[in-house]
Structures are given as structure tokens and as C-alpha cells.
Protein backbone atom coordinates (compact mmCIF):
# COMPACT_ATOMS: atom_id res chain seq x y z
CA MET A 1 40.70 176.07 -11.95
CA SER A 2 37.43 175.35 -10.40
CA LYS A 3 36.45 174.41 -6.89
CA THR A 4 36.57 171.07 -8.04
CA SER A 5 39.59 170.80 -9.63
CA PHE A 6 41.39 172.80 -6.92
CA VAL A 7 40.70 170.15 -4.06
CA PHE A 8 41.93 167.50 -6.35
CA TYR A 9 44.70 169.50 -6.92
CA ILE A 10 44.97 169.51 -2.73
CA ILE A 11 44.58 165.93 -2.41
CA LEU A 12 46.77 164.86 -4.81
CA LEU A 13 49.67 167.36 -3.80
CA THR A 14 48.59 166.09 -0.07
CA LEU A 15 49.12 162.00 -0.87
CA ILE A 16 52.08 163.14 -3.27
CA SER A 17 53.71 164.55 0.10
CA PHE A 18 52.90 161.65 2.18
CA ASN A 19 54.52 158.79 -0.12
CA SER A 20 57.35 161.07 -0.37
CA ALA A 21 57.91 161.56 3.86
CA LYS A 22 57.40 157.72 3.89
CA LYS A 23 60.00 157.00 1.87
CA LEU A 24 62.87 158.91 3.56
CA ASP A 25 61.82 157.34 7.36
CA TYR A 26 64.15 154.57 5.46
CA VAL A 27 67.05 156.03 4.23
CA PRO A 28 70.09 155.92 6.51
CA LYS A 29 70.03 158.57 9.13
CA ALA A 30 73.69 157.44 10.59
CA ASP A 31 76.53 156.91 8.96
CA TYR A 32 80.59 155.55 9.13
CA ILE A 33 83.98 157.02 9.49
CA GLN A 34 87.14 155.69 9.76
CA PRO A 35 89.18 157.30 11.93
CA TRP A 36 91.94 157.10 9.21
CA PHE A 37 90.26 159.49 6.91
CA CYS A 38 89.35 161.86 9.36
CA GLU A 39 92.60 162.21 12.17
CA TYR A 40 94.02 165.04 11.17
CA TRP A 41 90.97 167.15 10.54
CA THR A 42 90.69 170.82 12.34
CA VAL A 43 87.56 171.74 13.58
CA GLU A 44 86.62 173.71 10.47
CA GLN A 45 86.83 170.33 8.42
CA TRP A 46 84.38 168.46 10.74
CA GLU A 47 82.10 171.59 10.63
CA SER A 48 81.95 171.55 7.21
CA HIS A 49 81.43 167.61 6.51
CA ILE A 50 78.82 167.78 9.59
CA THR A 51 77.17 169.81 7.36
CA LYS A 52 77.40 168.14 4.02
CA MET A 53 75.33 165.51 6.16
CA ILE A 54 73.20 167.48 7.58
CA SER A 55 72.45 168.30 3.89
CA ALA A 56 71.70 164.44 3.20
CA GLY A 57 69.60 163.44 6.08
CA TYR A 58 71.86 162.80 8.20
CA ASN A 59 72.23 163.54 11.84
CA GLU A 60 74.98 160.88 12.99
CA LEU A 61 78.56 159.86 12.56
CA ILE A 62 79.25 156.39 13.52
CA ILE A 63 83.28 156.86 14.64
CA GLN A 64 84.53 153.38 13.95
CA GLY A 65 86.94 152.97 16.46
CA SER A 66 88.23 154.94 19.38
CA ILE A 67 91.03 152.05 20.39
CA ASP A 68 93.05 151.61 17.16
CA ILE A 69 95.69 147.57 18.20
CA LYS A 70 97.72 147.22 14.86
CA GLN A 71 101.15 144.73 14.85
CA THR A 72 103.43 148.14 15.04
CA ALA A 73 101.02 150.82 16.79
CA ILE A 74 98.89 151.45 18.49
CA GLU A 75 96.33 155.08 18.02
CA ILE A 76 93.88 156.96 20.29
CA PHE A 77 91.37 158.90 19.49
CA TYR A 78 90.84 159.31 23.17
CA ASN A 79 92.87 160.43 25.81
CA SER A 80 93.63 156.34 26.96
CA ALA A 81 96.06 156.25 30.16
CA PHE A 82 95.93 152.26 29.74
CA PHE A 83 96.56 152.42 26.32
CA ARG A 84 99.62 154.78 26.39
CA LEU A 85 100.65 152.91 29.03
CA GLU A 86 100.31 149.21 26.92
CA ALA A 87 101.91 151.54 24.02
CA LYS A 88 105.30 151.31 25.80
CA ASN A 89 105.01 147.91 27.70
CA LYS A 90 104.60 146.60 24.38
CA LYS A 91 106.71 148.14 22.70
CA LEU A 92 104.61 149.90 19.96
CA GLU A 93 104.26 153.33 18.49
CA LEU A 94 101.77 155.32 20.17
CA HIS A 95 99.94 157.01 17.10
CA ASP A 96 98.14 160.16 19.20
CA PHE A 97 95.05 161.83 18.37
CA SER A 98 93.24 162.27 21.25
CA ASP A 99 92.07 165.33 20.67
CA MET A 100 89.57 164.22 17.65
CA TYR A 101 86.56 164.00 19.44
CA GLU A 102 86.94 167.05 21.09
CA LYS A 103 87.48 168.64 17.70
CA ILE A 104 84.00 166.54 16.82
CA PHE A 105 81.66 167.61 19.60
CA THR A 106 83.28 171.26 19.03
CA ALA A 107 82.14 171.45 15.18
CA ILE A 108 78.39 170.59 16.41
CA LYS A 109 78.26 172.86 19.61
CA ASN A 110 79.05 175.47 16.62
CA ILE A 111 76.63 173.85 13.35
CA ASN A 112 74.02 174.09 16.96
CA LYS A 113 71.95 171.60 14.90
CA PRO A 114 70.80 167.93 15.92
CA PHE A 115 73.72 165.59 15.55
CA TYR A 116 74.78 163.11 17.41
CA ILE A 117 77.79 160.73 17.54
CA SER A 118 78.08 156.75 18.51
CA MET A 119 81.68 155.95 19.36
CA GLY A 120 83.15 152.49 18.13
CA LEU A 121 85.60 150.65 20.91
CA THR A 122 88.79 148.66 19.78
CA THR A 123 90.02 147.89 16.41
CA PHE A 124 92.33 145.10 16.75
CA TYR A 125 94.36 143.47 14.12
CA GLU A 126 94.27 139.76 14.99
CA TRP A 127 90.71 139.80 14.54
CA ASN A 128 90.94 138.66 11.00
CA THR A 129 93.47 136.01 11.57
CA ARG A 130 92.09 134.41 15.69
CA SER A 131 89.08 133.20 16.00
CA ILE A 132 86.75 134.66 19.17
CA SER A 133 86.32 131.11 20.48
CA ASP A 134 89.73 130.46 21.33
CA PRO A 135 90.27 131.13 25.10
CA GLU A 136 93.33 133.29 25.02
CA PHE A 137 92.15 135.92 22.34
CA TYR A 138 88.60 136.16 24.00
CA LYS A 139 90.55 137.06 27.36
CA ILE A 140 92.30 140.16 25.28
CA ILE A 141 89.87 141.46 23.16
CA LEU A 142 87.51 141.17 26.16
CA LYS A 143 90.38 143.27 28.01
CA TYR A 144 90.37 145.85 25.73
CA GLU A 145 87.30 146.96 25.60
CA LYS A 146 86.48 146.67 29.39
CA TYR A 147 88.87 149.37 29.43
CA CYS A 148 88.28 151.39 26.31
CA ILE A 149 84.31 151.67 28.00
CA LYS A 150 85.65 152.14 31.24
CA GLU A 151 88.25 155.14 30.09
CA ILE A 152 85.36 156.75 27.75
CA LEU A 153 82.19 156.33 30.48
CA SER A 154 84.53 157.99 33.07
CA SER A 155 85.42 160.97 31.46
CA GLU A 156 85.17 164.46 31.44
CA LEU A 157 84.82 164.16 27.49
CA PHE A 158 81.85 161.95 28.15
CA LYS A 159 80.31 163.83 31.28
CA THR A 160 80.69 167.06 29.33
CA ASN A 161 79.43 165.58 25.95
CA ARG A 162 76.96 162.67 26.99
CA LYS A 163 73.83 164.33 24.69
CA TYR A 164 75.91 164.26 21.96
CA ILE A 165 76.89 160.86 22.31
CA SER A 166 74.36 158.23 21.02
CA SER A 167 75.65 154.49 20.49
CA PHE A 168 78.41 152.29 21.55
CA TYR A 169 79.35 150.78 18.41
CA SER A 170 81.01 146.97 18.73
CA VAL A 171 83.91 146.81 15.27
CA TYR A 172 84.35 143.15 15.65
CA GLU A 173 81.85 142.56 12.57
CA MET A 174 82.18 138.95 10.19
CA TYR A 175 80.09 135.72 11.00
CA ASP A 176 81.91 133.14 8.63
CA PHE A 177 81.32 130.46 11.32
CA ASN A 178 82.43 126.86 10.41
CA LEU A 179 79.56 124.63 10.07
CA PRO A 180 79.13 121.21 9.88
CA ASP A 181 77.81 119.21 7.22
CA ASP A 182 74.80 118.85 8.09
CA TYR A 183 73.96 121.94 10.01
CA ASP A 184 70.72 122.36 7.64
CA SER A 185 69.15 120.15 9.91
CA GLU A 186 66.61 120.86 12.57
CA THR A 187 68.86 120.31 14.85
CA TRP A 188 69.91 122.97 17.63
CA TYR A 189 73.80 122.60 17.15
CA ILE A 190 75.67 125.51 17.93
CA SER A 191 78.95 126.51 17.34
CA ASP A 192 81.65 127.65 19.63
CA LYS A 193 82.37 130.53 17.71
CA GLU A 194 78.33 131.50 18.23
CA LYS A 195 78.31 130.97 21.63
CA ALA A 196 81.96 132.35 22.22
CA TRP A 197 80.11 135.40 20.10
CA ALA A 198 77.10 135.89 21.86
CA ASN A 199 79.23 135.71 25.14
CA TYR A 200 81.49 138.29 24.01
CA PHE A 201 78.74 140.54 23.76
CA ASN A 202 76.77 139.67 27.07
CA ASP A 203 80.32 140.28 28.86
CA ILE A 204 80.24 143.86 27.47
CA ILE A 205 76.24 144.42 28.09
CA LYS A 206 76.90 143.51 31.63
CA TYR A 207 80.12 145.11 31.91
CA ILE A 208 78.48 148.41 31.13
CA GLU A 209 75.57 148.20 33.59
CA THR A 210 78.07 148.02 36.34
CA PHE A 211 78.28 152.30 35.20
CA SER A 212 75.08 152.00 37.69
CA ASP A 213 74.42 155.86 36.33
CA VAL A 214 74.96 155.13 32.62
CA GLU A 215 72.46 153.95 30.25
CA ILE A 216 73.95 154.06 26.54
CA PRO A 217 72.52 151.68 23.41
CA LEU A 218 75.17 149.22 21.77
CA PHE A 219 74.89 147.84 18.48
CA PHE A 220 77.25 145.71 16.24
CA SER A 221 76.77 145.61 13.15
CA PRO A 222 78.03 141.57 10.93
CA TYR A 223 78.30 140.85 7.36
CA HIS A 224 78.50 138.22 5.04
CA SER A 225 82.00 136.92 4.47
CA ALA A 226 83.01 135.62 0.88
CA TYR A 227 83.22 132.18 2.22
CA TYR A 228 80.37 132.05 4.10
CA ASN A 229 77.19 132.27 2.05
CA PRO A 230 74.14 129.98 3.27
CA SER A 231 70.84 129.19 2.74
CA ASN A 232 68.29 131.33 4.20
CA GLU A 233 67.07 128.50 6.30
CA THR A 234 70.73 128.14 7.87
CA GLU A 235 70.99 132.03 8.22
CA TYR A 236 67.70 131.54 10.20
CA ARG A 237 68.97 128.81 12.06
CA ILE A 238 72.72 130.62 12.66
CA TRP A 239 70.79 133.65 13.74
CA ARG A 240 67.91 132.10 15.79
CA ASN A 241 70.84 130.23 18.15
CA PHE A 242 72.81 133.66 18.26
CA PHE A 243 69.86 135.77 19.73
CA SER A 244 68.81 132.06 21.80
CA ILE A 245 72.90 133.11 23.83
CA ALA A 246 73.20 136.30 23.70
CA LYS A 247 71.09 138.73 25.85
CA PHE A 248 70.70 141.88 23.86
CA ARG A 249 68.52 144.85 25.55
CA GLU A 250 65.43 146.69 24.11
CA ILE A 251 68.16 149.44 23.67
CA ASP A 252 70.95 147.46 21.50
CA ALA A 253 70.55 146.94 18.00
CA ILE A 254 71.79 144.68 14.98
CA ALA A 255 72.82 146.02 11.74
CA PRO A 256 73.45 143.53 9.49
CA GLN A 257 75.36 144.46 6.28
CA ASP A 258 73.41 144.75 3.03
CA HIS A 259 75.68 142.67 1.32
CA PHE A 260 75.61 144.89 -1.65
CA GLY A 261 79.15 146.62 -1.46
CA PHE A 262 80.14 143.20 -2.69
CA LYS A 263 77.99 143.60 -5.49
CA ASN A 264 78.65 145.57 -9.47
CA GLY A 265 77.80 149.24 -8.77
CA GLU A 266 74.85 148.63 -11.52
CA TYR A 267 71.50 146.94 -10.08
CA ASN A 268 70.87 143.07 -10.50
CA GLU A 269 68.22 141.60 -9.44
CA GLN A 270 68.85 138.25 -8.28
CA ASP A 271 71.56 139.78 -6.13
CA ALA A 272 69.06 141.99 -4.23
CA LYS A 273 66.56 138.65 -4.41
CA ILE A 274 69.56 137.12 -1.99
CA CYS A 275 71.18 140.16 -0.44
CA LYS A 276 66.65 140.75 0.58
CA GLU A 277 66.53 137.08 1.93
CA HIS A 278 68.98 137.25 4.06
CA LEU A 279 68.46 140.21 5.54
CA LEU A 280 64.66 139.03 6.64
CA ALA A 281 66.08 135.62 7.72
CA ILE A 282 68.11 137.85 10.13
CA GLN A 283 65.32 140.24 10.92
CA LYS A 284 62.41 137.31 11.78
CA ALA A 285 65.42 135.24 13.89
CA CYS A 286 65.75 138.85 15.60
CA LYS A 287 62.08 139.74 16.11
CA LYS A 288 61.59 135.83 17.90
CA TYR A 289 64.63 135.07 19.84
CA SER A 290 65.85 138.98 20.77
CA LYS A 291 64.69 142.09 22.25
CA ALA A 292 67.19 143.92 19.98
CA GLN A 293 66.41 146.20 17.11
CA PHE A 294 66.77 145.34 13.55
CA TRP A 295 68.14 148.13 11.53
CA ILE A 296 70.08 147.56 7.88
CA ASN A 297 73.14 148.73 6.93
CA ASN A 298 72.87 150.30 3.46
CA GLU A 299 76.49 149.70 1.44
CA ILE A 300 76.35 152.21 -0.84
CA PHE A 301 80.13 151.08 -2.21
CA THR A 302 80.70 148.23 -4.95
CA LYS A 303 83.21 144.98 -4.86
CA ASP A 304 85.92 147.64 -6.38
CA TYR A 305 85.49 149.86 -3.03
CA ALA A 306 84.07 152.76 -5.64
CA THR A 307 81.02 154.76 -5.07
CA ALA A 308 77.83 152.52 -6.40
CA ASP A 309 75.07 154.11 -8.99
CA PHE A 310 72.75 155.95 -7.47
CA SER A 311 69.76 154.24 -8.39
CA ARG A 312 71.14 150.99 -7.16
CA VAL A 313 70.65 152.40 -4.26
CA LYS A 314 67.49 153.62 -4.86
CA LYS A 315 66.88 150.21 -5.01
CA GLN A 316 68.24 149.32 -1.69
CA PHE A 317 66.69 152.47 -0.01
CA GLU A 318 62.93 150.20 -1.62
CA ILE A 319 63.93 147.22 0.14
CA ASN A 320 64.53 149.00 3.68
CA GLU A 321 61.10 150.28 2.67
CA GLU A 322 59.54 146.85 2.74
CA LEU A 323 61.15 145.60 5.86
CA LYS A 324 60.68 148.54 7.51
CA PRO A 325 63.72 148.68 10.15
CA ALA A 326 63.96 150.51 13.15
CA LYS A 327 67.04 152.40 11.95
CA VAL A 328 69.00 152.84 9.09
CA ILE A 329 72.43 153.27 8.80
CA SER A 330 75.07 153.35 5.67
CA PHE A 331 78.73 152.52 4.90
CA SER A 332 79.79 155.12 4.12
CA PHE A 333 78.45 158.60 2.43
CA SER A 334 80.90 159.78 4.27
CA HIS A 335 83.86 158.03 2.11
CA TYR A 336 81.63 157.22 -0.90
CA GLY A 337 78.93 159.51 -1.41
CA VAL A 338 80.62 163.28 -0.12
CA GLY A 339 82.57 164.53 -3.13
CA HIS A 340 81.56 162.47 -5.48
CA GLU A 341 79.78 163.49 -8.65
CA PRO A 342 77.13 162.85 -9.66
CA PHE A 343 76.45 160.37 -6.62
CA TYR A 344 76.61 163.39 -4.23
CA THR A 345 74.02 165.92 -6.32
CA GLU A 346 71.88 162.49 -7.10
CA TYR A 347 71.47 161.51 -3.35
CA LEU A 348 70.71 165.17 -2.40
CA ASP A 349 67.74 166.27 -4.87
CA TYR A 350 66.22 162.15 -3.18
CA VAL A 351 66.34 162.80 -0.04
CA ASN A 352 65.33 167.02 -0.35
């Protein structure tokens, strides 16, 4: 090989390496896992799962909820005195998985590689049937969120493992606002639900800040309801109005779900165009009217709740590259990636 050819070869390899690194900036680094899926896991099972996540380029798990309030039971995933008493007073069953976080932190320490946990707050069964703009319901969910935050931030569990905890996650996620017929006008109409949801975040952030010795981010991940599919202009105005009330900090984030999960497993250009434009509308409103970071939540499942084709997921990553979010998360490599072939191997080949 001549000297000129050798130099050209080195430059080519460098460019390939640079482009690959650039692409990997916009693949998911954090992933959701729902407690029902892992509530009985041992430390060894957590070690196995986290090791697989690290192999796929992840460095964080988002535990979707720390308290799950069901119609007939309350499930606790940390040692909660308040929710134990709440179950007793309301004559609900108590499902006690209060050692789950301890097992997770033990697994992380055993692996001894950089890995973090985002702690979901409360999951409440009535969220899908009652409106946050109902003052009585607002009081209930705010009370539960505050007790969850207080117990976690005051616990030895939190203090001992603080360096492994990246953020709090607000589980409430639907934004199917009831819009008037003339909503796409230029007026700054703000629905009761928008106001209530924005003020809910304000109340949560204010409460977190009463713990003066702790600074912890809060993020949420909204999605498009099946009954809600506005124009891009309306989408922008909804989030403009929302962000004009919600006083997020620079450490907080919005991570809209990219909506591919309600599509087919194969890539469809028209679907992708709609999803991308909606993300752009939210990003534009966030950038102009909020201090919050803009993230993207890649959905790697299909409308039939199966694993998507990896060829479709790669297209989702390409949209990430175009929008350049501050962070990419996913729902859910833990559920639809690990153990699902050929997707799992294709994913590892792509990120490695």
C-alpha cells in the first residue's frame, strides 16, 4: 500500500468512526421497566438484566412507579409507612415488595459499572377515569405524590444510594385535553386540564425544593391519546399554553413518547412524518416557553404490543438525530428487547 493510499485509508476510517459515534449520541440511554415485570426478581436476576442493558448501551433504568394504588390493593416498592397505613385504613390488600430497590442497588454495586435509577412516583388506577382538573381528585393525587416524595427523600435508602439515583419520574402521562371547536384560532385559550396539569408540576417541584439539601430532577413522558390527534399548529399551541404556566427548572425534562408504539411493526413513511412533526411542535414550544430539557421517548413496540422490526426502530433513531434531543429514553428495551430475537442481536450489533 502506498503512503498516499494509507493516509486516505486512515482518514476514511476516522470519518466512519466519527459518523458512528454521532449516531450513537441519539440512541436510548435510559429504559423503562414496569414493577409487575420484575417485582419478584432476585439480586442475581437484576444483575443479569442490568448487564444486558449495559451491553446494549444503556446506563439507566426508569422504574415506572414506586407506589401502585390499585382498586383493591396497594403495592409498595420501598418501605413506606404511609402507604402501609393507607392500605389498612381503606381496607385494601397490601402487596409488599419493599425490598425491590435494595436489590437493585445491590446489583448495581456488584456489577461496579456506571449505572443509574430513575424513581417513578405513584401510579393511581383512577388516572384513566378521572380528570386532573377535578379539584377533589387533584388533592388526592397531590397528597399521594407528596407522601411518596417525602418518604423517599427522607429515607436511608435514598441517602445511602443517592449517587445511583438520577431523577424522579412523574407517571401521569395522558394529554387528551378537551378542546373547543375553535381551538386552532390564535387566541390563548387554556383549558382547565392544561392549567391543572401545569400547576400539578409546579406544586410537585415546589415541594421537592422544600428539601433544601437535595437537588433532584423531575421528568414526565406524555403521549398522544387515541382520541387526540390535533394538527401540528394546535399541538404547538397546547404546549405553548402549558409551558406558559408550568415553571420547570433547567434540570427538569419533558420526554414525549414518539407515538410509534401505536403503529405497525414495519416502517411507514407517512406515520413517521406525523410522529416527527408532532415531536417538532412540542420541541419548538419547549424551547421557546420553558427551561425544561427536551428528550424523546422511543417506543420499540407495536400497536399489538409486540416487538417492532429493528428496521423501523433505526428510522426512529434517525428522527432522533434530526431533532437532537438532550437525551433519548425508550419504552421498553427491558420488555420488548431483552430476550426477543432477532431484535436483541440486531440492536446489539447496531450499538456496538
